[in-house]
Amino acid sequence: MGSLASSSARLTALLFVAIFVPTLAMLGFMSYASSQTLASQRTAQITELRDELLAEYAGGGTANLADAIRDRLRFNPLGDEVLSYRSAKGEMLVGNIDRWPAGFDRRAPWLETSLRRPGERQTRPVVVLETTLPDRSTLLTGHVASGSAELSAANQWAFLLALLVAGPLSLGLAFVLLRVIERRVARIALIAERVGEGDLSRRVELGRGEDAFARLGRGFNAMLDKIEALVLELRLVTDGLAHDLRSPVTRLQSVIERAAERQRDPEAAAALDSAQQEAASLQSMLTTAIQISRAEAGIGRDRFAPAELATVLDDLVEIYGPLAEESGFTIEAEAEAGLVLPIHRELLGQALGNLIENALRYASGGSRIALGAAREAGTVTISVADNGPGIAEDRRGEALRRFGRLDPSRHAAGSGLGLSLVEAAARLHGGRIELADAGPGLEVRVILPEGGG
């Protein structure tokens, strides 16, 4: 769970960065472009003003230039233009500033500074251009930048506001995208889980789009189609083989039985008896294999009927009680009262019987078998537990394998299909099985949905 939360957090952060960083870059570029546009417009205005005055100077010299400046200031005394003209000796001849600004560089005739104009109490930000004329006199042209500064400040505030909005919006959008991705992945994961539980009919629902999830879904469904076809073919072969072998095995049993009845030689009779037991074991194995195939194919759901689990367990105790007593075991059942489920009683009873037989056969040193049934968080758990040596946790998966045998020499009786039948019966009922430690011993839990499969 922690790993999943960590992955979700990383993906959310990645989506947030992927959305927020380009948004931030775009807002920054817009702010920069706006500032540059304002600066370019201001520079163009000042350059145009200078060129107009230089034309006056070229047409009439110093006097004509001074008159042109006076005329502009007379018609627009409170305008945003900054004008001043001084002689080669540094004497202010005409202008609307109280002093000549300092800080000009020959390589950079532009200057941003603050100046006070006549009649004003406070200085104002200005951008000025200094131009040296042929007679060594100097012309100063400029523009008040207060309006531009206010607009620039407004742009900065707008940028900050947009940033404050873009941050939570990007985070929210990243969260929504994450939820969409997680929901679609969860659907595929659920299908994979159901297929893993044995329901090979499940498929990923495909939308109308052609996105990556649609391609993944089509590929996933194609894989499931192939798996289902292979499994179905294997089941048909197994089922057919089991059916085809039952008749010869039955005939073989009959022949051995008749031969044993006529045989008077003790050694030959013992050999025939052993052969008869092996034939019976083979017959049982074939029958179990057929039952597993039928259960995995979903055959038998039409035989589901409500049954009280306490009664089912009591019947098992009655059937296996004498056998358990002969083997040195006590067997008892404890079920929650009124626990009724729609079940395939014959199949589930046989599956639970297999678990009891396994306990009697393999729980060496044990003395007790306990059957139980109880509700647990929307499910019903039917358990068979013994107090024998149990199964090591790292070998429980091997025990659940079809034909899985924990005895490598295979000297112990059994076909390795008992737990496979239990698992197939559980899946037919929409459930699953678990192997757990009974402390000591083994507990096999058949977990079914409370509403039935």
Foldseek 3Di string as FASTA:
>chain_A
DVVVVVVLVVLLVVQLCVQQVVVLVVLVVVLVVVLVVVVVVQVVVQVVVVVVLVVQCVVPNDVSSQVVQVVVCVVPVPFFKWWWKFALVGHTDDTFFPDDDDDADPVHQKDWDWTDGPPDDGTFIKIWGWDQDPNNIIIIIIGGCPVVVVVSVVSVVVSVVVSVVSNVVSSVVSNVVSVVVVVLVVQVVVQVVLVVLQPLVDARDADPDDDPSNVVRVVVRVVSVVVVVVVVVVLVVLLVVLVVVLVVLVVVLVVLVVVLVPDDDVVVNVVSVVVNVVSVLSNVVSVLSNLLSCLSVLHDLVQWDKDAVVVLQVVLCVVCVVVLVVLQAHEDEDEDPPQIAGANSVLLSVLVNLVVVCCSQPQPPWHYWYWYWDDDDQKIKTKIWIQGQADDPVCVVQLQDAQRDPPVVPPGDDRSCSNSSNQSRLVSFVWGWDWDCPPPTIMIIRIHGSHTD
